[in-house]
Amino acid sequence: MRSTLTLLIVQLLLVSNVRAATVKLIVTVPDSTPTDASIYLAGSLPSVGEWKVDGVKLDREGDRFVSTIQLEGDQTLEFKITRGSWETVEKNRDGSERANRLLDAKHAEVSVTVEAWSTGIEKPAPSVVGTLEIFTIDSKSLNQQRTIRVWLPPGYADASDRKFPVLYMHDGQNCFDRATSAFGVEWQIDETLTKLISDGTIAPMIVVGMDNGGASRTKNYTFDIDKERGGGGAAHANFLIDEVIPQIESRYRVRTDRASRMVGGSSLGGLMSLEIVRRHSDVFSGALVMSPSLWWSNEAIIKAIEADPSQLANSRLWIDVGTNEGSGKETSRYVESVKKLDAILTKANVEHHLMIQESAEHNEAAWARRFGSAIMYLMDQ
């Protein structure tokens, strides 16, 4: 008995050693960096704030900045270096957008060099096509003010007797305008819909973008708690249903039936869109679920849908993912989770479409490329 217990303890220690790793990150910054500047890492993993712009503050060591990053053995961190805001994120030497850096547990120490900061580089010009109206809501559900962006289709002003279906989008600041997008790249929803509507491919529709809550995004976009994080999804759903929708339906000419309301988003926003349709199928008829974080809380949503798929019986779902989202085992996690969900929905005869896009990454540019196909499916056109 004692030998068995000893063996078990040894095995647990070995597993722990395999799973945990500490990587020292060393950052060299340009000579033009202000001497009093603070340097931060913004990255994809929850442990560094899930793209919180000042997620990890680096320590100054002489003319370099350093930090130690904790990773599990199979994790890969996507990250960028910032000076505390997206207006001061690192850029390529020529001022162009820098691809996300990658950090894994293969090396104990990694050195990177920032070539340039976005400061001093011309800020992207507004890129909105068509009519975009913006207002704010002082949300009682979230105890926070939120910005709402409403894109109106071509011909809206002239069609005074017509009402339109509505798509409610998460992370609204990234939907229509590269000047407001967190990473300087937008979903191009306005450009895509302008073309599809003008060509007669789809019927005119309104899109409502709801800006996220910044540091509270993870909490707002998750119903379940994962490692003591998240769990505020019910309040966010109340915000959408009890505060946003009434404002939209009083201000604009929109259809108010369930069949004319859809919700969408990507990553945690994709997870939240699926959760909202599942939990509030009386309000929404369909969801655009791009690169969803189905892994959240040990795949809690997949287990819930498998246990009771009837909540989605009358819904229409677009689900997608790219094969280059993350790397190594993380990529498999993204792809395999949507495959698992697809199998459950297929068995339950839930109307849906799955797209696995080769070489696509986890970013706005990839979602922009898929948005046209997604909205045509949701609109059944």
Protein backbone atom coordinates (compact mmCIF):
# COMPACT_ATOMS: atom_id res chain seq x y z
CA MET A 1 0.00 0.00 0.00
CA ARG A 2 2.82 2.39 0.97
CA SER A 3 4.72 1.69 -2.26
CA THR A 4 1.57 2.34 -4.31
CA LEU A 5 1.01 5.65 -2.54
CA THR A 6 4.66 6.63 -3.05
CA LEU A 7 4.42 5.82 -6.75
CA LEU A 8 1.27 7.93 -7.05
CA ILE A 9 2.94 10.91 -5.38
CA VAL A 10 5.95 10.61 -7.69
CA GLN A 11 3.67 10.46 -10.73
CA LEU A 12 1.79 13.57 -9.59
CA LEU A 13 5.04 15.44 -9.09
CA LEU A 14 6.24 14.42 -12.54
CA VAL A 15 2.99 15.57 -14.12
CA SER A 16 3.23 18.86 -12.24
CA ASN A 17 6.79 19.38 -13.49
CA VAL A 18 5.74 18.67 -17.06
CA ARG A 19 2.79 21.02 -16.91
CA ALA A 20 4.45 24.01 -15.23
CA ALA A 21 7.22 26.09 -16.76
CA THR A 22 8.76 29.50 -16.14
CA VAL A 23 10.11 31.47 -19.10
CA LYS A 24 12.19 34.61 -18.64
CA LEU A 25 11.29 37.29 -21.18
CA ILE A 26 13.87 39.96 -21.98
CA VAL A 27 12.75 42.99 -23.99
CA THR A 28 14.98 45.57 -25.65
CA VAL A 29 13.23 48.80 -26.65
CA PRO A 30 14.12 51.50 -29.22
CA ASP A 31 16.42 54.36 -28.22
CA SER A 32 13.49 56.72 -28.83
CA THR A 33 11.56 55.23 -25.91
CA PRO A 34 10.94 57.85 -23.18
CA THR A 35 13.25 57.29 -20.25
CA ASP A 36 10.33 57.21 -17.82
CA ALA A 37 8.23 54.79 -19.92
CA SER A 38 6.69 51.71 -18.36
CA ILE A 39 6.73 48.59 -20.56
CA TYR A 40 4.04 45.92 -20.56
CA LEU A 41 3.19 42.59 -22.10
CA ALA A 42 -0.33 42.12 -23.51
CA GLY A 43 -1.11 38.51 -24.31
CA SER A 44 -3.68 35.86 -25.08
CA LEU A 45 -3.67 33.70 -21.93
CA PRO A 46 -5.85 34.32 -18.88
CA SER A 47 -2.75 34.37 -16.67
CA VAL A 48 -1.59 37.62 -18.33
CA GLY A 49 -5.01 39.23 -18.65
CA GLU A 50 -6.32 37.93 -21.99
CA TRP A 51 -5.15 40.88 -24.11
CA LYS A 52 -5.41 43.41 -21.31
CA VAL A 53 -3.21 46.13 -22.74
CA ASP A 54 -1.19 46.46 -19.52
CA GLY A 55 -1.49 42.83 -18.52
CA VAL A 56 2.05 42.29 -17.18
CA LYS A 57 4.36 45.14 -16.22
CA LEU A 58 8.00 44.36 -17.00
CA ASP A 59 10.83 45.22 -14.60
CA ARG A 60 13.65 47.50 -15.73
CA GLU A 61 17.12 45.98 -15.64
CA GLY A 62 19.60 48.50 -17.01
CA ASP A 63 18.56 49.25 -20.59
CA ARG A 64 16.31 46.18 -20.82
CA PHE A 65 12.95 45.12 -19.41
CA VAL A 66 12.29 41.65 -18.03
CA SER A 67 9.59 39.45 -16.57
CA THR A 68 9.03 35.79 -15.83
CA ILE A 69 6.00 34.20 -17.47
CA GLN A 70 4.35 31.10 -16.07
CA LEU A 71 3.19 28.58 -18.70
CA GLU A 72 1.73 25.12 -18.59
CA GLY A 73 3.74 22.61 -20.58
CA ASP A 74 1.42 22.66 -23.61
CA GLN A 75 0.59 26.36 -23.61
CA THR A 76 1.65 28.91 -26.22
CA LEU A 77 1.30 32.59 -25.40
CA GLU A 78 0.57 35.05 -28.20
CA PHE A 79 1.69 38.53 -27.16
CA LYS A 80 2.76 42.03 -28.03
CA ILE A 81 4.76 44.63 -26.12
CA THR A 82 3.06 47.92 -25.25
CA ARG A 83 3.69 51.09 -23.25
CA GLY A 84 0.33 50.75 -21.54
CA SER A 85 -2.13 51.52 -24.34
CA TRP A 86 -2.97 50.28 -27.83
CA GLU A 87 -1.90 53.71 -29.11
CA THR A 88 1.62 52.83 -27.94
CA VAL A 89 1.78 49.19 -29.02
CA GLU A 90 4.90 47.93 -30.76
CA LYS A 91 5.09 48.16 -34.56
CA ASN A 92 7.42 46.99 -37.31
CA ARG A 93 10.26 49.33 -38.20
CA ASP A 94 8.25 50.77 -41.12
CA GLY A 95 5.24 51.46 -38.91
CA SER A 96 3.18 48.54 -40.16
CA GLU A 97 1.22 46.20 -37.90
CA ARG A 98 3.40 43.64 -36.14
CA ALA A 99 2.22 40.04 -36.04
CA ASN A 100 1.65 38.56 -32.59
CA ARG A 101 4.77 37.13 -31.01
CA LEU A 102 4.76 33.57 -29.65
CA LEU A 103 6.16 32.26 -26.38
CA ASP A 104 6.17 28.64 -25.24
CA ALA A 105 7.95 26.48 -22.70
CA LYS A 106 10.62 25.18 -25.08
CA HIS A 107 13.12 27.81 -23.94
CA ALA A 108 13.90 28.99 -20.44
CA GLU A 109 14.82 32.47 -21.69
CA VAL A 110 13.56 34.45 -24.70
CA SER A 111 14.82 37.84 -25.92
CA VAL A 112 12.83 40.15 -28.19
CA THR A 113 13.54 43.57 -29.68
CA VAL A 114 10.88 46.21 -30.21
CA GLU A 115 11.58 47.90 -33.54
CA ALA A 116 9.21 50.86 -33.18
CA TRP A 117 6.26 52.19 -31.23
CA SER A 118 3.01 53.36 -32.77
CA THR A 119 3.56 56.76 -31.12
CA GLY A 120 4.55 59.18 -33.84
CA ILE A 121 3.01 56.96 -36.51
CA GLU A 122 -0.17 58.33 -38.02
CA LYS A 123 -3.23 56.88 -36.32
CA PRO A 124 -5.47 54.91 -38.68
CA ALA A 125 -8.05 57.13 -40.33
CA PRO A 126 -11.72 56.32 -39.68
CA SER A 127 -12.84 53.61 -42.11
CA VAL A 128 -16.62 53.54 -41.63
CA VAL A 129 -18.66 52.94 -44.79
CA GLY A 130 -22.26 54.14 -44.62
CA THR A 131 -24.11 55.50 -41.59
CA LEU A 132 -22.85 54.67 -38.10
CA GLU A 133 -24.63 56.22 -35.13
CA ILE A 134 -23.12 56.07 -31.64
CA PHE A 135 -24.66 56.52 -28.20
CA THR A 136 -23.98 55.34 -24.65
CA ILE A 137 -25.99 53.43 -22.05
CA ASP A 138 -25.43 53.76 -18.32
CA SER A 139 -26.06 50.12 -17.60
CA LYS A 140 -27.71 49.17 -14.32
CA SER A 141 -27.06 45.49 -15.03
CA LEU A 142 -23.31 46.00 -15.46
CA ASN A 143 -22.88 49.12 -13.31
CA GLN A 144 -20.84 50.57 -16.14
CA GLN A 145 -21.32 52.92 -19.09
CA ARG A 146 -21.18 51.19 -22.47
CA THR A 147 -20.84 52.54 -26.00
CA ILE A 148 -23.35 51.28 -28.58
CA ARG A 149 -22.61 51.56 -32.33
CA VAL A 150 -25.51 51.23 -34.76
CA TRP A 151 -24.81 50.65 -38.46
CA LEU A 152 -27.73 51.47 -40.73
CA PRO A 153 -28.10 49.85 -44.17
CA PRO A 154 -28.10 51.71 -47.50
CA GLY A 155 -31.48 53.30 -48.10
CA TYR A 156 -32.53 53.28 -44.43
CA ALA A 157 -33.39 56.99 -44.40
CA ASP A 158 -35.56 56.69 -47.51
CA ALA A 159 -37.48 53.57 -46.47
CA SER A 160 -39.61 55.27 -43.81
CA ASP A 161 -42.20 52.50 -43.73
CA ARG A 162 -39.78 49.56 -43.66
CA LYS A 163 -38.49 47.65 -40.63
CA PHE A 164 -35.26 45.68 -40.53
CA PRO A 165 -33.78 42.57 -38.87
CA VAL A 166 -30.96 43.17 -36.38
CA LEU A 167 -27.64 41.50 -35.61
CA TYR A 168 -26.26 42.32 -32.14
CA MET A 169 -22.45 42.03 -32.09
CA HIS A 170 -20.05 41.72 -29.17
CA ASP A 171 -16.77 43.72 -29.11
CA GLY A 172 -18.50 46.50 -31.05
CA GLN A 173 -15.46 48.76 -31.21
CA ASN A 174 -13.81 46.23 -33.54
CA CYS A 175 -16.74 45.80 -35.94
CA PHE A 176 -16.82 48.86 -38.20
CA ASP A 177 -13.83 51.16 -37.80
CA ARG A 178 -10.10 50.46 -37.70
CA ALA A 179 -9.60 53.75 -35.83
CA THR A 180 -11.47 52.35 -32.81
CA SER A 181 -10.46 48.70 -33.09
CA ALA A 182 -8.19 47.43 -30.34
CA PHE A 183 -5.62 46.15 -32.85
CA GLY A 184 -6.12 48.60 -35.72
CA VAL A 185 -7.92 45.94 -37.78
CA GLU A 186 -11.72 45.81 -38.07
CA TRP A 187 -14.27 43.16 -39.00
CA GLN A 188 -15.32 45.24 -42.05
CA ILE A 189 -18.97 44.49 -41.32
CA ASP A 190 -19.96 47.82 -42.88
CA GLU A 191 -18.01 47.23 -46.11
CA THR A 192 -19.19 43.64 -46.45
CA LEU A 193 -22.86 44.39 -45.83
CA THR A 194 -22.84 47.44 -48.08
CA LYS A 195 -21.71 45.24 -50.96
CA LEU A 196 -24.03 42.31 -50.17
CA ILE A 197 -27.06 44.57 -49.76
CA SER A 198 -26.26 46.70 -52.81
CA ASP A 199 -25.84 43.55 -54.92
CA GLY A 200 -29.16 42.21 -53.70
CA THR A 201 -27.43 39.17 -52.16
CA ILE A 202 -29.05 39.73 -48.77
CA ALA A 203 -31.91 41.88 -47.54
CA PRO A 204 -31.02 45.14 -45.74
CA MET A 205 -30.33 44.75 -42.04
CA ILE A 206 -29.11 46.74 -39.04
CA VAL A 207 -26.03 45.78 -36.99
CA VAL A 208 -25.64 46.89 -33.38
CA GLY A 209 -22.10 46.74 -32.00
CA MET A 210 -21.77 46.69 -28.20
CA ASP A 211 -18.33 47.79 -27.00
CA ASN A 212 -16.85 45.43 -24.43
CA GLY A 213 -16.04 46.41 -20.86
CA GLY A 214 -12.26 46.33 -21.17
CA ALA A 215 -10.90 44.68 -18.05
CA SER A 216 -14.35 43.23 -17.27
CA ARG A 217 -14.67 41.55 -20.69
CA THR A 218 -13.83 38.04 -19.45
CA LYS A 219 -16.29 38.30 -16.58
CA ASN A 220 -19.07 39.70 -18.80
CA TYR A 221 -18.65 37.15 -21.59
CA THR A 222 -18.79 33.97 -19.46
CA PHE A 223 -21.59 32.32 -17.51
CA ASP A 224 -19.37 29.71 -15.83
CA ILE A 225 -16.42 30.32 -13.54
CA ASP A 226 -13.04 29.04 -14.72
CA LYS A 227 -10.17 29.05 -12.24
CA GLU A 228 -11.88 31.76 -10.15
CA ARG A 229 -12.46 33.96 -13.24
CA GLY A 230 -15.59 34.92 -15.12
CA GLY A 231 -19.15 34.06 -14.23
CA GLY A 232 -20.82 37.40 -14.97
CA GLY A 233 -22.64 36.32 -18.11
CA ALA A 234 -26.13 36.60 -16.64
CA ALA A 235 -25.63 40.32 -15.98
CA HIS A 236 -24.38 40.82 -19.53
CA ALA A 237 -27.37 38.96 -20.97
CA ASN A 238 -29.66 41.19 -18.91
CA PHE A 239 -27.83 44.24 -20.25
CA LEU A 240 -28.43 43.11 -23.82
CA ILE A 241 -32.04 42.00 -23.42
CA ASP A 242 -33.36 44.53 -20.89
CA GLU A 243 -31.32 47.61 -21.80
CA VAL A 244 -29.83 47.47 -25.30
CA ILE A 245 -32.72 45.90 -27.21
CA PRO A 246 -35.38 48.28 -25.80
CA GLN A 247 -33.18 51.25 -26.74
CA ILE A 248 -32.70 49.96 -30.28
CA GLU A 249 -36.36 49.12 -30.74
CA SER A 250 -37.42 52.58 -29.55
CA ARG A 251 -34.84 54.52 -31.60
CA TYR A 252 -34.81 52.61 -34.90
CA ARG A 253 -37.20 50.92 -37.31
CA VAL A 254 -36.47 47.30 -36.46
CA ARG A 255 -38.48 44.12 -36.46
CA THR A 256 -39.28 42.99 -32.96
CA ASP A 257 -39.98 39.31 -33.58
CA ARG A 258 -37.59 36.56 -32.48
CA ALA A 259 -36.86 35.48 -36.07
CA SER A 260 -35.42 38.94 -36.80
CA ARG A 261 -32.94 39.04 -33.89
CA MET A 262 -29.49 37.46 -34.07
CA VAL A 263 -26.38 37.76 -31.94
CA GLY A 264 -22.70 37.26 -32.76
CA GLY A 265 -19.09 37.49 -31.72
CA SER A 266 -15.68 35.83 -31.69
CA SER A 267 -13.52 34.08 -29.11
CA LEU A 268 -15.19 34.67 -25.72
CA GLY A 269 -17.70 36.80 -27.64
CA GLY A 270 -18.48 33.73 -29.74
CA LEU A 271 -18.92 31.64 -26.61
CA MET A 272 -21.22 34.28 -25.15
CA SER A 273 -23.30 34.48 -28.33
CA LEU A 274 -23.88 30.73 -28.24
CA GLU A 275 -24.76 30.89 -24.56
CA ILE A 276 -27.25 33.72 -25.09
CA VAL A 277 -29.07 31.90 -27.89
CA ARG A 278 -29.15 28.71 -25.79
CA ARG A 279 -30.42 30.40 -22.64
CA HIS A 280 -32.69 32.95 -24.36
CA SER A 281 -34.05 31.12 -27.38
CA ASP A 282 -37.30 33.03 -26.97
CA VAL A 283 -35.47 36.28 -27.81
CA PHE A 284 -32.91 35.29 -30.48
CA SER A 285 -33.23 32.97 -33.47
CA GLY A 286 -29.60 32.59 -34.48
CA ALA A 287 -25.97 33.15 -33.59
CA LEU A 288 -22.73 33.91 -35.38
CA VAL A 289 -20.19 31.89 -33.36
CA MET A 290 -16.66 32.56 -34.63
CA SER A 291 -13.60 30.93 -33.08
CA PRO A 292 -15.54 30.28 -29.86
CA SER A 293 -13.74 29.66 -26.58
CA LEU A 294 -15.57 26.38 -26.04
CA TRP A 295 -12.75 25.21 -23.77
CA TRP A 296 -13.86 27.65 -21.06
CA SER A 297 -14.51 26.02 -17.68
CA ASN A 298 -13.58 22.53 -18.89
CA GLU A 299 -15.93 22.73 -21.90
CA ALA A 300 -18.93 23.49 -19.70
CA ILE A 301 -21.06 24.70 -22.60
CA ILE A 302 -20.40 21.57 -24.69
CA LYS A 303 -21.44 19.39 -21.77
CA ALA A 304 -24.57 21.48 -21.19
CA ILE A 305 -25.63 21.29 -24.84
CA GLU A 306 -24.99 17.55 -24.93
CA ALA A 307 -27.14 17.10 -21.82
CA ASP A 308 -30.00 19.19 -23.23
CA PRO A 309 -29.76 20.17 -26.92
CA SER A 310 -33.47 21.01 -26.98
CA GLN A 311 -32.70 24.61 -25.97
CA LEU A 312 -31.23 25.11 -29.46
CA ALA A 313 -33.93 23.18 -31.31
CA ASN A 314 -35.28 26.20 -33.20
CA SER A 315 -31.99 28.07 -33.60
CA ARG A 316 -29.71 28.62 -36.58
CA LEU A 317 -25.99 28.63 -35.83
CA TRP A 318 -22.89 29.54 -37.81
CA ILE A 319 -19.79 28.05 -36.16
CA ASP A 320 -16.22 28.38 -37.42
CA VAL A 321 -12.55 28.15 -36.48
CA GLY A 322 -9.15 28.50 -38.14
CA THR A 323 -6.50 25.79 -38.21
CA ASN A 324 -3.79 28.25 -37.08
CA GLU A 325 -5.48 29.48 -33.92
CA GLY A 326 -2.80 28.99 -31.31
CA SER A 327 -0.13 26.39 -31.94
CA GLY A 328 0.64 22.80 -31.06
CA LYS A 329 -1.83 21.28 -28.64
CA GLU A 330 -3.62 24.62 -28.34
CA THR A 331 -4.53 24.52 -32.04
CA SER A 332 -5.94 21.05 -31.59
CA ARG A 333 -7.99 22.32 -28.66
CA TYR A 334 -9.68 25.00 -30.79
CA VAL A 335 -10.39 22.72 -33.73
CA GLU A 336 -11.35 19.61 -31.78
CA SER A 337 -13.78 21.50 -29.57
CA VAL A 338 -15.81 22.82 -32.53
CA LYS A 339 -15.78 19.35 -34.07
CA LYS A 340 -17.13 17.94 -30.82
CA LEU A 341 -19.87 20.57 -30.75
CA ASP A 342 -20.68 19.91 -34.41
CA ALA A 343 -21.18 16.19 -33.70
CA ILE A 344 -23.53 16.93 -30.80
CA LEU A 345 -25.58 19.44 -32.82
CA THR A 346 -25.75 17.08 -35.81
CA LYS A 347 -27.00 14.21 -33.65
CA ALA A 348 -29.66 16.50 -32.15
CA ASN A 349 -30.70 17.83 -35.58
CA VAL A 350 -29.89 21.43 -34.61
CA GLU A 351 -29.61 23.59 -37.72
CA HIS A 352 -26.03 24.78 -38.05
CA HIS A 353 -23.06 25.17 -40.36
CA LEU A 354 -19.43 24.44 -39.44
CA MET A 355 -16.49 26.02 -41.27
CA ILE A 356 -12.89 25.04 -40.50
CA GLN A 357 -10.72 27.48 -42.43
CA GLU A 358 -7.21 26.35 -43.35
CA SER A 359 -4.35 28.55 -42.11
CA ALA A 360 -6.71 31.11 -40.53
CA GLU A 361 -5.57 32.71 -37.27
CA HIS A 362 -7.42 34.01 -34.22
CA ASN A 363 -7.83 37.67 -35.21
CA GLU A 364 -10.11 40.31 -36.73
CA ALA A 365 -8.69 39.89 -40.23
CA ALA A 366 -9.71 36.21 -40.28
CA TRP A 367 -13.19 36.96 -38.92
CA ALA A 368 -13.64 39.71 -41.49
CA ARG A 369 -12.91 37.25 -44.30
CA ARG A 370 -15.58 34.86 -43.01
CA PHE A 371 -18.24 37.38 -42.07
CA GLY A 372 -19.87 37.52 -45.51
CA SER A 373 -20.41 33.77 -45.67
CA ALA A 374 -21.60 33.73 -42.06
CA ILE A 375 -24.22 36.43 -42.44
CA MET A 376 -25.54 34.96 -45.69
CA TYR A 377 -26.06 31.69 -43.86
CA LEU A 378 -27.78 33.31 -40.88
CA MET A 379 -30.00 35.32 -43.20
CA ASP A 380 -30.64 32.12 -45.19
CA GLN A 381 -29.62 33.76 -48.46
